[in-house]
Amino acid sequence: GARFFSNIGKFSNHIDDPYFPVTNDMAKNALAIVLSVSGETEEILRFASQFSLHNCKVLSITSHEHSRLAKLADFNLSWHVPQTRIGGVYDITTQIPVIYILESLGRKLARKLTE
């Protein structure tokens, strides 16, 4: 997702460490796109809260529109696909809707940038 947005001319960074320090400099005039299947993972909620505390807009993309992450975010886009787990532990829920949402947003942004 981050590379896709960078390719269309919007600098983007991928952060896969939920303990990455969020600073005022990185959050200024930025949008944090936070991905979570459940929208209830404590580390992701803490991370999204850090962006909010630094006045950064947060867009959550979750499969649960009423999750804590969706409520914390300034904007939420939900995709509705049943969560799939193997052995009750390993989440293999499809991420195809998330890729579609990211690419759709990126393409709309690309059109606006070229107008």
PDB file of N, CA and C in Angstrom:
ATOM      1  N   GLY A   1       0.809  -1.196   0.000  1.00  0.00           N
ATOM      2  CA  GLY A   1       0.000   0.000   0.000  1.00  0.00           C
ATOM      3  C   GLY A   1       0.851   1.259   0.000  1.00  0.00           C
ATOM      4  N   ALA A   2       1.867   1.296   0.872  1.00  0.00           N
ATOM      5  CA  ALA A   2       2.718   2.487   0.945  1.00  0.00           C
ATOM      6  C   ALA A   2       3.456   2.701  -0.369  1.00  0.00           C
ATOM      7  N   ARG A   3       3.956   1.649  -0.967  1.00  0.00           N
ATOM      8  CA  ARG A   3       4.677   1.776  -2.240  1.00  0.00           C
ATOM      9  C   ARG A   3       3.723   2.251  -3.336  1.00  0.00           C
ATOM     10  N   PHE A   4       2.503   1.751  -3.329  1.00  0.00           N
ATOM     11  CA  PHE A   4       1.504   2.155  -4.307  1.00  0.00           C
ATOM     12  C   PHE A   4       1.273   3.663  -4.235  1.00  0.00           C
ATOM     13  N   PHE A   5       1.073   4.199  -3.026  1.00  0.00           N
ATOM     14  CA  PHE A   5       0.843   5.631  -2.864  1.00  0.00           C
ATOM     15  C   PHE A   5       2.088   6.437  -3.234  1.00  0.00           C
ATOM     16  N   SER A   6       3.258   5.949  -2.897  1.00  0.00           N
ATOM     17  CA  SER A   6       4.498   6.635  -3.285  1.00  0.00           C
ATOM     18  C   SER A   6       4.648   6.659  -4.798  1.00  0.00           C
ATOM     19  N   ASN A   7       4.276   5.573  -5.466  1.00  0.00           N
ATOM     20  CA  ASN A   7       4.384   5.509  -6.925  1.00  0.00           C
ATOM     21  C   ASN A   7       3.506   6.540  -7.625  1.00  0.00           C
ATOM     22  N   ILE A   8       2.397   6.926  -6.989  1.00  0.00           N
ATOM     23  CA  ILE A   8       1.529   7.916  -7.627  1.00  0.00           C
ATOM     24  C   ILE A   8       1.901   9.338  -7.211  1.00  0.00           C
ATOM     25  N   GLY A   9       2.947   9.482  -6.405  1.00  0.00           N
ATOM     26  CA  GLY A   9       3.443  10.811  -6.064  1.00  0.00           C
ATOM     27  C   GLY A   9       3.115  11.300  -4.674  1.00  0.00           C
ATOM     28  N   LYS A  10       2.554  10.466  -3.821  1.00  0.00           N
ATOM     29  CA  LYS A  10       2.284  10.836  -2.437  1.00  0.00           C
ATOM     30  C   LYS A  10       3.238  10.052  -1.547  1.00  0.00           C
ATOM     31  N   PHE A  11       4.194  10.734  -0.939  1.00  0.00           N
ATOM     32  CA  PHE A  11       5.154  10.045  -0.079  1.00  0.00           C
ATOM     33  C   PHE A  11       4.415   9.234   0.976  1.00  0.00           C
ATOM     34  N   SER A  12       4.791   7.989   1.099  1.00  0.00           N
ATOM     35  CA  SER A  12       4.148   7.087   2.057  1.00  0.00           C
ATOM     36  C   SER A  12       5.199   6.206   2.700  1.00  0.00           C
ATOM     37  N   ASN A  13       4.897   5.797   3.902  1.00  0.00           N
ATOM     38  CA  ASN A  13       5.783   4.933   4.666  1.00  0.00           C
ATOM     39  C   ASN A  13       4.993   3.782   5.244  1.00  0.00           C
ATOM     40  N   HIS A  14       5.565   2.608   5.207  1.00  0.00           N
ATOM     41  CA  HIS A  14       4.947   1.430   5.809  1.00  0.00           C
ATOM     42  C   HIS A  14       5.559   1.226   7.188  1.00  0.00           C
ATOM     43  N   ILE A  15       4.728   1.118   8.191  1.00  0.00           N
ATOM     44  CA  ILE A  15       5.216   0.861   9.555  1.00  0.00           C
ATOM     45  C   ILE A  15       4.618  -0.454  10.007  1.00  0.00           C
ATOM     46  N   ASP A  16       5.471  -1.448  10.231  1.00  0.00           N
ATOM     47  CA  ASP A  16       4.959  -2.746  10.659  1.00  0.00           C
ATOM     48  C   ASP A  16       5.258  -3.032  12.128  1.00  0.00           C
ATOM     49  N   ASP A  17       5.823  -2.056  12.808  1.00  0.00           N
ATOM     50  CA  ASP A  17       6.144  -2.197  14.225  1.00  0.00           C
ATOM     51  C   ASP A  17       5.173  -1.338  15.027  1.00  0.00           C
ATOM     52  N   PRO A  18       4.235  -1.948  15.755  1.00  0.00           N
ATOM     53  CA  PRO A  18       3.244  -1.151  16.490  1.00  0.00           C
ATOM     54  C   PRO A  18       3.846  -0.325  17.630  1.00  0.00           C
ATOM     55  N   TYR A  19       5.139  -0.503  17.911  1.00  0.00           N
ATOM     56  CA  TYR A  19       5.799   0.274  18.955  1.00  0.00           C
ATOM     57  C   TYR A  19       6.677   1.374  18.366  1.00  0.00           C
ATOM     58  N   PHE A  20       6.591   1.580  17.049  1.00  0.00           N
ATOM     59  CA  PHE A  20       7.334   2.640  16.379  1.00  0.00           C
ATOM     60  C   PHE A  20       6.923   3.972  16.993  1.00  0.00           C
ATOM     61  N   PRO A  21       7.877   4.827  17.358  1.00  0.00           N
ATOM     62  CA  PRO A  21       7.505   6.095  18.006  1.00  0.00           C
ATOM     63  C   PRO A  21       6.865   7.071  17.016  1.00  0.00           C
ATOM     64  N   VAL A  22       5.713   7.586  17.384  1.00  0.00           N
ATOM     65  CA  VAL A  22       5.009   8.572  16.570  1.00  0.00           C
ATOM     66  C   VAL A  22       5.390   9.947  17.099  1.00  0.00           C
ATOM     67  N   THR A  23       5.849  10.818  16.197  1.00  0.00           N
ATOM     68  CA  THR A  23       6.265  12.165  16.592  1.00  0.00           C
ATOM     69  C   THR A  23       5.401  13.212  15.891  1.00  0.00           C
ATOM     70  N   ASN A  24       5.471  14.441  16.400  1.00  0.00           N
ATOM     71  CA  ASN A  24       4.728  15.543  15.780  1.00  0.00           C
ATOM     72  C   ASN A  24       5.156  15.750  14.334  1.00  0.00           C
ATOM     73  N   ASP A  25       6.449  15.624  14.060  1.00  0.00           N
ATOM     74  CA  ASP A  25       6.958  15.852  12.706  1.00  0.00           C
ATOM     75  C   ASP A  25       6.335  14.888  11.704  1.00  0.00           C
ATOM     76  N   MET A  26       6.248  13.626  12.065  1.00  0.00           N
ATOM     77  CA  MET A  26       5.726  12.642  11.113  1.00  0.00           C
ATOM     78  C   MET A  26       4.211  12.699  10.984  1.00  0.00           C
ATOM     79  N   ALA A  27       3.531  13.215  11.990  1.00  0.00           N
ATOM     80  CA  ALA A  27       2.073  13.240  11.980  1.00  0.00           C
ATOM     81  C   ALA A  27       1.505  14.531  11.398  1.00  0.00           C
ATOM     82  N   LYS A  28       2.348  15.544  11.239  1.00  0.00           N
ATOM     83  CA  LYS A  28       1.880  16.847  10.759  1.00  0.00           C
ATOM     84  C   LYS A  28       1.421  16.749   9.303  1.00  0.00           C
ATOM     85  N   ASN A  29       0.206  17.202   9.055  1.00  0.00           N
ATOM     86  CA  ASN A  29      -0.381  17.188   7.704  1.00  0.00           C
ATOM     87  C   ASN A  29      -0.361  15.797   7.072  1.00  0.00           C
ATOM     88  N   ALA A  30      -0.558  14.777   7.874  1.00  0.00           N
ATOM     89  CA  ALA A  30      -0.495  13.403   7.380  1.00  0.00           C
ATOM     90  C   ALA A  30      -1.809  12.678   7.631  1.00  0.00           C
ATOM     91  N   LEU A  31      -1.943  11.571   6.959  1.00  0.00           N
ATOM     92  CA  LEU A  31      -3.055  10.653   7.175  1.00  0.00           C
ATOM     93  C   LEU A  31      -2.458   9.294   7.474  1.00  0.00           C
ATOM     94  N   ALA A  32      -2.813   8.730   8.604  1.00  0.00           N
ATOM     95  CA  ALA A  32      -2.375   7.375   8.951  1.00  0.00           C
ATOM     96  C   ALA A  32      -3.475   6.414   8.514  1.00  0.00           C
ATOM     97  N   ILE A  33      -3.127   5.486   7.639  1.00  0.00           N
ATOM     98  CA  ILE A  33      -4.069   4.453   7.226  1.00  0.00           C
ATOM     99  C   ILE A  33      -3.724   3.219   8.050  1.00  0.00           C
ATOM    100  N   VAL A  34      -4.641   2.830   8.924  1.00  0.00           N
ATOM    101  CA  VAL A  34      -4.401   1.738   9.862  1.00  0.00           C
ATOM    102  C   VAL A  34      -5.262   0.550   9.454  1.00  0.00           C
ATOM    103  N   LEU A  35      -4.606  -0.574   9.204  1.00  0.00           N
ATOM    104  CA  LEU A  35      -5.283  -1.788   8.748  1.00  0.00           C
ATOM    105  C   LEU A  35      -5.420  -2.779   9.896  1.00  0.00           C
ATOM    106  N   SER A  36      -6.602  -3.325  10.061  1.00  0.00           N
ATOM    107  CA  SER A  36      -6.827  -4.338  11.088  1.00  0.00           C
ATOM    108  C   SER A  36      -8.069  -5.142  10.723  1.00  0.00           C
ATOM    109  N   VAL A  37      -7.967  -6.454  10.775  1.00  0.00           N
ATOM    110  CA  VAL A  37      -9.133  -7.289  10.495  1.00  0.00           C
ATOM    111  C   VAL A  37     -10.191  -7.054  11.574  1.00  0.00           C
ATOM    112  N   SER A  38      -9.823  -7.252  12.823  1.00  0.00           N
ATOM    113  CA  SER A  38     -10.809  -7.158  13.907  1.00  0.00           C
ATOM    114  C   SER A  38     -11.060  -5.731  14.362  1.00  0.00           C
ATOM    115  N   GLY A  39     -10.048  -4.875  14.280  1.00  0.00           N
ATOM    116  CA  GLY A  39     -10.161  -3.527  14.827  1.00  0.00           C
ATOM    117  C   GLY A  39     -10.123  -3.508  16.340  1.00  0.00           C
ATOM    118  N   GLU A  40      -9.666  -4.608  16.931  1.00  0.00           N
ATOM    119  CA  GLU A  40      -9.647  -4.740  18.392  1.00  0.00           C
ATOM    120  C   GLU A  40      -8.263  -5.080  18.955  1.00  0.00           C
ATOM    121  N   THR A  41      -7.257  -5.155  18.130  1.00  0.00           N
ATOM    122  CA  THR A  41      -5.914  -5.515  18.597  1.00  0.00           C
ATOM    123  C   THR A  41      -5.336  -4.375  19.429  1.00  0.00           C
ATOM    124  N   GLU A  42      -4.965  -4.677  20.672  1.00  0.00           N
ATOM    125  CA  GLU A  42      -4.509  -3.648  21.615  1.00  0.00           C
ATOM    126  C   GLU A  42      -3.333  -2.840  21.077  1.00  0.00           C
ATOM    127  N   GLU A  43      -2.353  -3.495  20.462  1.00  0.00           N
ATOM    128  CA  GLU A  43      -1.173  -2.784  19.952  1.00  0.00           C
ATOM    129  C   GLU A  43      -1.562  -1.811  18.840  1.00  0.00           C
ATOM    130  N   ILE A  44      -2.456  -2.230  17.980  1.00  0.00           N
ATOM    131  CA  ILE A  44      -2.899  -1.372  16.876  1.00  0.00           C
ATOM    132  C   ILE A  44      -3.726  -0.202  17.409  1.00  0.00           C
ATOM    133  N   LEU A  45      -4.563  -0.458  18.407  1.00  0.00           N
ATOM    134  CA  LEU A  45      -5.342   0.612  19.019  1.00  0.00           C
ATOM    135  C   LEU A  45      -4.437   1.649  19.675  1.00  0.00           C
ATOM    136  N   ARG A  46      -3.407   1.193  20.372  1.00  0.00           N
ATOM    137  CA  ARG A  46      -2.452   2.104  21.013  1.00  0.00           C
ATOM    138  C   ARG A  46      -1.729   2.929  19.950  1.00  0.00           C
ATOM    139  N   PHE A  47      -1.317   2.276  18.881  1.00  0.00           N
ATOM    140  CA  PHE A  47      -0.597   2.932  17.796  1.00  0.00           C
ATOM    141  C   PHE A  47      -1.477   3.992  17.129  1.00  0.00           C
ATOM    142  N   ALA A  48      -2.712   3.640  16.813  1.00  0.00           N
ATOM    143  CA  ALA A  48      -3.640   4.598  16.196  1.00  0.00           C
ATOM    144  C   ALA A  48      -3.906   5.775  17.137  1.00  0.00           C
ATOM    145  N   SER A  49      -3.996   5.503  18.423  1.00  0.00           N
ATOM    146  CA  SER A  49      -4.206   6.564  19.410  1.00  0.00           C
ATOM    147  C   SER A  49      -3.041   7.548  19.416  1.00  0.00           C
ATOM    148  N   GLN A  50      -1.821   7.037  19.224  1.00  0.00           N
ATOM    149  CA  GLN A  50      -0.647   7.906  19.179  1.00  0.00           C
ATOM    150  C   GLN A  50      -0.750   8.892  18.017  1.00  0.00           C
ATOM    151  N   PHE A  51      -1.202   8.426  16.868  1.00  0.00           N
ATOM    152  CA  PHE A  51      -1.391   9.328  15.740  1.00  0.00           C
ATOM    153  C   PHE A  51      -2.440  10.382  16.079  1.00  0.00           C
ATOM    154  N   SER A  52      -3.538   9.966  16.674  1.00  0.00           N
ATOM    155  CA  SER A  52      -4.599  10.910  17.045  1.00  0.00           C
ATOM    156  C   SER A  52      -4.098  11.958  18.023  1.00  0.00           C
ATOM    157  N   LEU A  53      -3.297  11.533  18.991  1.00  0.00           N
ATOM    158  CA  LEU A  53      -2.749  12.471  19.982  1.00  0.00           C
ATOM    159  C   LEU A  53      -1.864  13.530  19.333  1.00  0.00           C
ATOM    160  N   HIS A  54      -1.252  13.206  18.207  1.00  0.00           N
ATOM    161  CA  HIS A  54      -0.394  14.149  17.488  1.00  0.00           C
ATOM    162  C   HIS A  54      -1.153  14.861  16.371  1.00  0.00           C
ATOM    163  N   ASN A  55      -2.480  14.886  16.493  1.00  0.00           N
ATOM    164  CA  ASN A  55      -3.355  15.597  15.544  1.00  0.00           C
ATOM    165  C   ASN A  55      -3.222  15.111  14.107  1.00  0.00           C
ATOM    166  N   CYS A  56      -2.948  13.851  13.954  1.00  0.00           N
ATOM    167  CA  CYS A  56      -2.875  13.226  12.640  1.00  0.00           C
ATOM    168  C   CYS A  56      -4.234  12.585  12.364  1.00  0.00           C
ATOM    169  N   LYS A  57      -4.759  12.776  11.175  1.00  0.00           N
ATOM    170  CA  LYS A  57      -6.006  12.120  10.803  1.00  0.00           C
ATOM    171  C   LYS A  57      -5.755  10.618  10.658  1.00  0.00           C
ATOM    172  N   VAL A  58      -6.718   9.827  11.091  1.00  0.00           N
ATOM    173  CA  VAL A  58      -6.604   8.365  11.038  1.00  0.00           C
ATOM    174  C   VAL A  58      -7.745   7.805  10.201  1.00  0.00           C
ATOM    175  N   LEU A  59      -7.371   6.997   9.213  1.00  0.00           N
ATOM    176  CA  LEU A  59      -8.328   6.240   8.408  1.00  0.00           C
ATOM    177  C   LEU A  59      -8.126   4.771   8.765  1.00  0.00           C
ATOM    178  N   SER A  60      -9.154   4.141   9.290  1.00  0.00           N
ATOM    179  CA  SER A  60      -9.042   2.710   9.583  1.00  0.00           C
ATOM    180  C   SER A  60      -9.739   1.925   8.480  1.00  0.00           C
ATOM    181  N   ILE A  61      -9.144   0.791   8.159  1.00  0.00           N
ATOM    182  CA  ILE A  61      -9.747  -0.149   7.220  1.00  0.00           C
ATOM    183  C   ILE A  61      -9.869  -1.457   7.978  1.00  0.00           C
ATOM    184  N   THR A  62     -11.113  -1.812   8.322  1.00  0.00           N
ATOM    185  CA  THR A  62     -11.372  -2.972   9.168  1.00  0.00           C
ATOM    186  C   THR A  62     -12.519  -3.802   8.588  1.00  0.00           C
ATOM    187  N   SER A  63     -12.672  -4.995   9.141  1.00  0.00           N
ATOM    188  CA  SER A  63     -13.823  -5.806   8.731  1.00  0.00           C
ATOM    189  C   SER A  63     -14.997  -5.628   9.693  1.00  0.00           C
ATOM    190  N   HIS A  64     -14.835  -4.761  10.676  1.00  0.00           N
ATOM    191  CA  HIS A  64     -15.888  -4.536  11.667  1.00  0.00           C
ATOM    192  C   HIS A  64     -16.117  -3.040  11.856  1.00  0.00           C
ATOM    193  N   GLU A  65     -17.199  -2.524  11.304  1.00  0.00           N
ATOM    194  CA  GLU A  65     -17.452  -1.087  11.350  1.00  0.00           C
ATOM    195  C   GLU A  65     -17.752  -0.563  12.754  1.00  0.00           C
ATOM    196  N   HIS A  66     -18.042  -1.437  13.698  1.00  0.00           N
ATOM    197  CA  HIS A  66     -18.329  -1.010  15.063  1.00  0.00           C
ATOM    198  C   HIS A  66     -17.186  -1.342  16.023  1.00  0.00           C
ATOM    199  N   SER A  67     -16.025  -1.650  15.495  1.00  0.00           N
ATOM    200  CA  SER A  67     -14.868  -1.988  16.333  1.00  0.00           C
ATOM    201  C   SER A  67     -14.334  -0.738  17.034  1.00  0.00           C
ATOM    202  N   ARG A  68     -13.490  -0.954  18.035  1.00  0.00           N
ATOM    203  CA  ARG A  68     -12.892   0.170  18.749  1.00  0.00           C
ATOM    204  C   ARG A  68     -12.025   1.007  17.816  1.00  0.00           C
ATOM    205  N   LEU A  69     -11.305   0.362  16.894  1.00  0.00           N
ATOM    206  CA  LEU A  69     -10.469   1.108  15.952  1.00  0.00           C
ATOM    207  C   LEU A  69     -11.331   1.975  15.046  1.00  0.00           C
ATOM    208  N   ALA A  70     -12.426   1.436  14.553  1.00  0.00           N
ATOM    209  CA  ALA A  70     -13.325   2.210  13.688  1.00  0.00           C
ATOM    210  C   ALA A  70     -13.869   3.424  14.424  1.00  0.00           C
ATOM    211  N   LYS A  71     -14.171   3.266  15.694  1.00  0.00           N
ATOM    212  CA  LYS A  71     -14.699   4.376  16.491  1.00  0.00           C
ATOM    213  C   LYS A  71     -13.627   5.408  16.811  1.00  0.00           C
ATOM    214  N   LEU A  72     -12.388   4.960  16.991  1.00  0.00           N
ATOM    215  CA  LEU A  72     -11.276   5.861  17.301  1.00  0.00           C
ATOM    216  C   LEU A  72     -10.870   6.686  16.083  1.00  0.00           C
ATOM    217  N   ALA A  73     -11.003   6.115  14.909  1.00  0.00           N
ATOM    218  CA  ALA A  73     -10.534   6.744  13.672  1.00  0.00           C
ATOM    219  C   ALA A  73     -11.412   7.925  13.266  1.00  0.00           C
ATOM    220  N   ASP A  74     -10.808   8.844  12.531  1.00  0.00           N
ATOM    221  CA  ASP A  74     -11.564   9.955  11.956  1.00  0.00           C
ATOM    222  C   ASP A  74     -12.457   9.467  10.820  1.00  0.00           C
ATOM    223  N   PHE A  75     -11.960   8.456  10.102  1.00  0.00           N
ATOM    224  CA  PHE A  75     -12.682   7.859   8.977  1.00  0.00           C
ATOM    225  C   PHE A  75     -12.511   6.348   9.064  1.00  0.00           C
ATOM    226  N   ASN A  76     -13.530   5.615   8.672  1.00  0.00           N
ATOM    227  CA  ASN A  76     -13.415   4.158   8.643  1.00  0.00           C
ATOM    228  C   ASN A  76     -14.036   3.625   7.358  1.00  0.00           C
ATOM    229  N   LEU A  77     -13.338   2.705   6.746  1.00  0.00           N
ATOM    230  CA  LEU A  77     -13.873   1.951   5.618  1.00  0.00           C
ATOM    231  C   LEU A  77     -13.897   0.493   6.058  1.00  0.00           C
ATOM    232  N   SER A  78     -15.065  -0.105   5.970  1.00  0.00           N
ATOM    233  CA  SER A  78     -15.206  -1.495   6.413  1.00  0.00           C
ATOM    234  C   SER A  78     -15.458  -2.408   5.232  1.00  0.00           C
ATOM    235  N   TRP A  79     -14.908  -3.580   5.329  1.00  0.00           N
ATOM    236  CA  TRP A  79     -15.166  -4.626   4.349  1.00  0.00           C
ATOM    237  C   TRP A  79     -15.774  -5.775   5.128  1.00  0.00           C
ATOM    238  N   HIS A  80     -16.757  -6.396   4.559  1.00  0.00           N
ATOM    239  CA  HIS A  80     -17.531  -7.387   5.307  1.00  0.00           C
ATOM    240  C   HIS A  80     -17.332  -8.779   4.718  1.00  0.00           C
ATOM    241  N   VAL A  81     -16.349  -9.455   5.268  1.00  0.00           N
ATOM    242  CA  VAL A  81     -16.026 -10.828   4.888  1.00  0.00           C
ATOM    243  C   VAL A  81     -15.851 -11.594   6.194  1.00  0.00           C
ATOM    244  N   PRO A  82     -16.392 -12.788   6.294  1.00  0.00           N
ATOM    245  CA  PRO A  82     -16.245 -13.548   7.542  1.00  0.00           C
ATOM    246  C   PRO A  82     -14.769 -13.808   7.873  1.00  0.00           C
ATOM    247  N   GLN A  83     -14.448 -13.656   9.146  1.00  0.00           N
ATOM    248  CA  GLN A  83     -13.089 -13.937   9.602  1.00  0.00           C
ATOM    249  C   GLN A  83     -12.866 -15.446   9.559  1.00  0.00           C
ATOM    250  N   THR A  84     -11.723 -15.851   9.031  1.00  0.00           N
ATOM    251  CA  THR A  84     -11.403 -17.271   8.896  1.00  0.00           C
ATOM    252  C   THR A  84     -10.168 -17.581   9.719  1.00  0.00           C
ATOM    253  N   ARG A  85     -10.293 -18.565  10.604  1.00  0.00           N
ATOM    254  CA  ARG A  85      -9.168 -18.989  11.448  1.00  0.00           C
ATOM    255  C   ARG A  85      -8.958 -20.487  11.304  1.00  0.00           C
ATOM    256  N   ILE A  86      -7.705 -20.883  11.357  1.00  0.00           N
ATOM    257  CA  ILE A  86      -7.342 -22.297  11.365  1.00  0.00           C
ATOM    258  C   ILE A  86      -7.020 -22.664  12.806  1.00  0.00           C
ATOM    259  N   GLY A  87      -7.642 -23.706  13.283  1.00  0.00           N
ATOM    260  CA  GLY A  87      -7.392 -24.147  14.654  1.00  0.00           C
ATOM    261  C   GLY A  87      -7.762 -23.116  15.694  1.00  0.00           C
ATOM    262  N   GLY A  88      -8.621 -22.160  15.330  1.00  0.00           N
ATOM    263  CA  GLY A  88      -9.037 -21.129  16.272  1.00  0.00           C
ATOM    264  C   GLY A  88      -7.960 -20.117  16.586  1.00  0.00           C
ATOM    265  N   VAL A  89      -6.789 -20.215  15.925  1.00  0.00           N
ATOM    266  CA  VAL A  89      -5.657 -19.341  16.256  1.00  0.00           C
ATOM    267  C   VAL A  89      -5.155 -18.549  15.051  1.00  0.00           C
ATOM    268  N   TYR A  90      -4.895 -19.221  13.951  1.00  0.00           N
ATOM    269  CA  TYR A  90      -4.233 -18.598  12.807  1.00  0.00           C
ATOM    270  C   TYR A  90      -5.248 -17.950  11.880  1.00  0.00           C
ATOM    271  N   ASP A  91      -5.136 -16.631  11.743  1.00  0.00           N
ATOM    272  CA  ASP A  91      -6.075 -15.858  10.936  1.00  0.00           C
ATOM    273  C   ASP A  91      -5.667 -15.921   9.467  1.00  0.00           C
ATOM    274  N   ILE A  92      -6.539 -16.483   8.640  1.00  0.00           N
ATOM    275  CA  ILE A  92      -6.278 -16.524   7.198  1.00  0.00           C
ATOM    276  C   ILE A  92      -7.398 -15.797   6.440  1.00  0.00           C
ATOM    277  N   THR A  93      -7.974 -14.791   7.099  1.00  0.00           N
ATOM    278  CA  THR A  93      -9.020 -13.995   6.469  1.00  0.00           C
ATOM    279  C   THR A  93      -8.457 -13.324   5.223  1.00  0.00           C
ATOM    280  N   THR A  94      -9.202 -13.353   4.144  1.00  0.00           N
ATOM    281  CA  THR A  94      -8.736 -12.755   2.897  1.00  0.00           C
ATOM    282  C   THR A  94      -8.425 -11.272   3.074  1.00  0.00           C
ATOM    283  N   GLN A  95      -7.395 -10.815   2.391  1.00  0.00           N
ATOM    284  CA  GLN A  95      -7.026  -9.404   2.399  1.00  0.00           C
ATOM    285  C   GLN A  95      -7.306  -8.745   1.050  1.00  0.00           C
ATOM    286  N   ILE A  96      -7.940  -9.477   0.149  1.00  0.00           N
ATOM    287  CA  ILE A  96      -8.240  -8.934  -1.175  1.00  0.00           C
ATOM    288  C   ILE A  96      -9.101  -7.663  -1.078  1.00  0.00           C
ATOM    289  N   PRO A  97     -10.123  -7.590  -0.216  1.00  0.00           N
ATOM    290  CA  PRO A  97     -10.884  -6.339  -0.122  1.00  0.00           C
ATOM    291  C   PRO A  97     -10.020  -5.148   0.307  1.00  0.00           C
ATOM    292  N   VAL A  98      -9.051  -5.390   1.177  1.00  0.00           N
ATOM    293  CA  VAL A  98      -8.165  -4.321   1.651  1.00  0.00           C
ATOM    294  C   VAL A  98      -7.312  -3.800   0.501  1.00  0.00           C
ATOM    295  N   ILE A  99      -6.763  -4.703  -0.291  1.00  0.00           N
ATOM    296  CA  ILE A  99      -5.954  -4.306  -1.450  1.00  0.00           C
ATOM    297  C   ILE A  99      -6.819  -3.493  -2.418  1.00  0.00           C
ATOM    298  N   TYR A 100      -8.032  -3.947  -2.655  1.00  0.00           N
ATOM    299  CA  TYR A 100      -8.947  -3.230  -3.555  1.00  0.00           C
ATOM    300  C   TYR A 100      -9.217  -1.815  -3.034  1.00  0.00           C
ATOM    301  N   ILE A 101      -9.493  -1.688  -1.741  1.00  0.00           N
ATOM    302  CA  ILE A 101      -9.771  -0.379  -1.148  1.00  0.00           C
ATOM    303  C   ILE A 101      -8.560   0.536  -1.292  1.00  0.00           C
ATOM    304  N   LEU A 102      -7.370   0.037  -0.955  1.00  0.00           N
ATOM    305  CA  LEU A 102      -6.157   0.855  -1.059  1.00  0.00           C
ATOM    306  C   LEU A 102      -5.911   1.298  -2.501  1.00  0.00           C
ATOM    307  N   GLU A 103      -6.044   0.373  -3.430  1.00  0.00           N
ATOM    308  CA  GLU A 103      -5.818   0.728  -4.837  1.00  0.00           C
ATOM    309  C   GLU A 103      -6.876   1.709  -5.343  1.00  0.00           C
ATOM    310  N   SER A 104      -8.113   1.546  -4.928  1.00  0.00           N
ATOM    311  CA  SER A 104      -9.170   2.474  -5.337  1.00  0.00           C
ATOM    312  C   SER A 104      -8.889   3.886  -4.819  1.00  0.00           C
ATOM    313  N   LEU A 105      -8.506   3.977  -3.555  1.00  0.00           N
ATOM    314  CA  LEU A 105      -8.161   5.283  -2.985  1.00  0.00           C
ATOM    315  C   LEU A 105      -6.970   5.894  -3.726  1.00  0.00           C
ATOM    316  N   GLY A 106      -5.963   5.067  -3.989  1.00  0.00           N
ATOM    317  CA  GLY A 106      -4.769   5.542  -4.688  1.00  0.00           C
ATOM    318  C   GLY A 106      -5.077   6.028  -6.088  1.00  0.00           C
ATOM    319  N   ARG A 107      -5.901   5.320  -6.807  1.00  0.00           N
ATOM    320  CA  ARG A 107      -6.262   5.722  -8.171  1.00  0.00           C
ATOM    321  C   ARG A 107      -7.053   7.033  -8.177  1.00  0.00           C
ATOM    322  N   LYS A 108      -7.952   7.198  -7.217  1.00  0.00           N
ATOM    323  CA  LYS A 108      -8.695   8.462  -7.118  1.00  0.00           C
ATOM    324  C   LYS A 108      -7.742   9.615  -6.806  1.00  0.00           C
ATOM    325  N   LEU A 109      -6.812   9.373  -5.909  1.00  0.00           N
ATOM    326  CA  LEU A 109      -5.827  10.391  -5.565  1.00  0.00           C
ATOM    327  C   LEU A 109      -4.955  10.724  -6.773  1.00  0.00           C
ATOM    328  N   ALA A 110      -4.556   9.729  -7.527  1.00  0.00           N
ATOM    329  CA  ALA A 110      -3.729   9.945  -8.717  1.00  0.00           C
ATOM    330  C   ALA A 110      -4.471  10.819  -9.722  1.00  0.00           C
ATOM    331  N   ARG A 111      -5.757  10.567  -9.895  1.00  0.00           N
ATOM    332  CA  ARG A 111      -6.546  11.397 -10.827  1.00  0.00           C
ATOM    333  C   ARG A 111      -6.586  12.850 -10.351  1.00  0.00           C
ATOM    334  N   LYS A 112      -6.759  13.054  -9.047  1.00  0.00           N
ATOM    335  CA  LYS A 112      -6.799  14.414  -8.509  1.00  0.00           C
ATOM    336  C   LYS A 112      -5.443  15.113  -8.673  1.00  0.00           C
ATOM    337  N   LEU A 113      -4.372  14.378  -8.492  1.00  0.00           N
ATOM    338  CA  LEU A 113      -3.032  14.961  -8.623  1.00  0.00           C
ATOM    339  C   LEU A 113      -2.703  15.357 -10.051  1.00  0.00           C
ATOM    340  N   THR A 114      -3.314  14.683 -11.025  1.00  0.00           N
ATOM    341  CA  THR A 114      -3.019  14.985 -12.422  1.00  0.00           C
ATOM    342  C   THR A 114      -3.986  15.995 -13.031  1.00  0.00           C
ATOM    343  N   GLU A 115      -5.020  16.384 -12.296  1.00  0.00           N
ATOM    344  CA  GLU A 115      -5.991  17.372 -12.812  1.00  0.00           C
ATOM    345  C   GLU A 115      -5.430  18.768 -12.747  1.00  0.00           C
TER     346      GLU A 115
END
